[in-house]
Amino acid sequence: MLPFKSHMNDEILVEYAGVNTNLENVYKITSHPHMNAFGELCGKPKKNKRKTKFIEDDLMSFKQLGYAVCHNTLDKHGKKVYIHHNMRTFKERKQGNVN
């Protein structure tokens, strides 16, 4: 279970999953329904499987679609740690509510 729940449909929670063979950071989507939806959309059709690991380029694509991307753990101050902000979280950051 995640340390907190996000009820924001425009916010994707990710968990760091390591590094791939190209030395790129790899993340796993942990928020529902994003995990299934983006897994289906970005899946590999020839293997008929959902994609479960996403790299920085994928996360940037989610940002371009209007989603905020943040880690599924809180920082030492109890605030969300965003990798990419969207318009809503950018406004909240300017007000001092998020990192």
Protein backbone atom coordinates (compact mmCIF):
# COMPACT_ATOMS: atom_id res chain seq x y z
CA MET A 1 0.00 0.00 0.00
CA LEU A 2 1.19 3.49 -0.82
CA PRO A 3 2.06 5.85 2.04
CA PHE A 4 -0.58 8.24 0.68
CA LYS A 5 -3.36 8.18 -1.89
CA SER A 6 -3.82 10.60 -4.71
CA HIS A 7 -7.34 11.26 -5.89
CA MET A 8 -6.09 13.61 -8.58
CA ASN A 9 -6.81 12.20 -12.02
CA ASP A 10 -4.15 14.48 -13.50
CA GLU A 11 -1.40 13.11 -11.24
CA ILE A 12 0.58 9.93 -11.95
CA LEU A 13 2.41 8.29 -9.05
CA VAL A 14 5.63 6.45 -9.93
CA GLU A 15 8.17 4.35 -8.08
CA TYR A 16 11.84 4.25 -9.00
CA ALA A 17 12.60 0.76 -10.35
CA GLY A 18 16.31 1.01 -11.17
CA VAL A 19 18.34 1.46 -14.32
CA ASN A 20 17.96 -0.29 -17.67
CA THR A 21 20.70 -1.58 -19.97
CA ASN A 22 21.02 1.87 -21.59
CA LEU A 23 21.69 3.39 -18.13
CA GLU A 24 18.34 5.23 -18.16
CA ASN A 25 16.31 5.61 -14.99
CA VAL A 26 13.30 3.29 -15.02
CA TYR A 27 10.03 3.93 -13.19
CA LYS A 28 6.93 1.85 -12.45
CA ILE A 29 3.50 3.53 -12.36
CA THR A 30 1.78 2.77 -9.05
CA SER A 31 -1.37 4.91 -9.26
CA HIS A 32 -4.67 3.43 -10.30
CA PRO A 33 -6.09 3.59 -13.04
CA HIS A 34 -2.97 5.02 -14.69
CA MET A 35 -1.00 1.80 -14.25
CA ASN A 36 -3.40 -0.23 -16.39
CA ALA A 37 -4.32 2.51 -18.84
CA PHE A 38 -0.80 3.60 -19.74
CA GLY A 39 0.38 0.01 -19.68
CA GLU A 40 -2.21 -0.82 -22.33
CA LEU A 41 -1.51 2.27 -24.41
CA CYS A 42 2.25 1.85 -24.35
CA GLY A 43 2.27 -1.96 -24.46
CA LYS A 44 4.22 -4.02 -26.92
CA PRO A 45 1.66 -5.39 -29.41
CA LYS A 46 3.78 -8.28 -30.66
CA LYS A 47 4.10 -9.75 -27.16
CA ASN A 48 0.50 -8.87 -26.27
CA LYS A 49 1.66 -7.64 -22.84
CA ARG A 50 1.26 -4.43 -20.92
CA LYS A 51 4.28 -2.21 -20.53
CA THR A 52 5.20 -1.98 -16.85
CA LYS A 53 8.46 0.02 -16.86
CA PHE A 54 8.74 3.58 -18.13
CA ILE A 55 11.79 5.76 -18.79
CA GLU A 56 12.24 9.54 -18.50
CA ASP A 57 11.08 10.08 -22.10
CA ASP A 58 7.79 8.32 -21.27
CA LEU A 59 7.33 10.51 -18.19
CA MET A 60 7.94 13.62 -20.29
CA SER A 61 5.28 12.40 -22.73
CA PHE A 62 2.82 12.10 -19.83
CA LYS A 63 3.68 15.70 -18.85
CA GLN A 64 3.01 16.84 -22.41
CA LEU A 65 -0.41 15.18 -22.17
CA GLY A 66 -1.15 17.35 -19.11
CA TYR A 67 -0.31 14.93 -16.29
CA ALA A 68 1.82 15.74 -13.28
CA VAL A 69 4.28 12.96 -12.39
CA CYS A 70 5.43 12.48 -8.80
CA HIS A 71 7.12 9.87 -6.63
CA ASN A 72 4.79 7.68 -4.60
CA THR A 73 6.65 8.52 -1.38
CA LEU A 74 6.69 11.76 0.56
CA ASP A 75 9.79 13.79 1.33
CA LYS A 76 11.09 14.39 4.87
CA HIS A 77 8.67 17.33 5.25
CA GLY A 78 5.64 15.23 4.30
CA LYS A 79 5.19 16.79 0.86
CA LYS A 80 4.92 15.16 -2.54
CA VAL A 81 8.06 15.11 -4.70
CA TYR A 82 7.24 15.94 -8.30
CA ILE A 83 9.33 14.85 -11.27
CA HIS A 84 7.19 16.89 -13.69
CA HIS A 85 4.57 19.51 -12.82
CA ASN A 86 1.42 20.28 -14.77
CA MET A 87 -0.46 23.61 -14.67
CA ARG A 88 -2.34 22.76 -11.45
CA THR A 89 0.70 21.61 -9.50
CA PHE A 90 2.82 24.46 -10.86
CA LYS A 91 0.30 26.96 -9.43
CA GLU A 92 0.30 25.06 -6.11
CA ARG A 93 4.10 25.13 -6.06
CA LYS A 94 4.11 28.91 -6.51
CA GLN A 95 1.77 29.15 -3.52
CA GLY A 96 4.16 26.97 -1.48
CA ASN A 97 1.92 23.88 -1.14
CA VAL A 98 4.10 21.35 -3.02
CA ASN A 99 7.76 20.82 -3.98
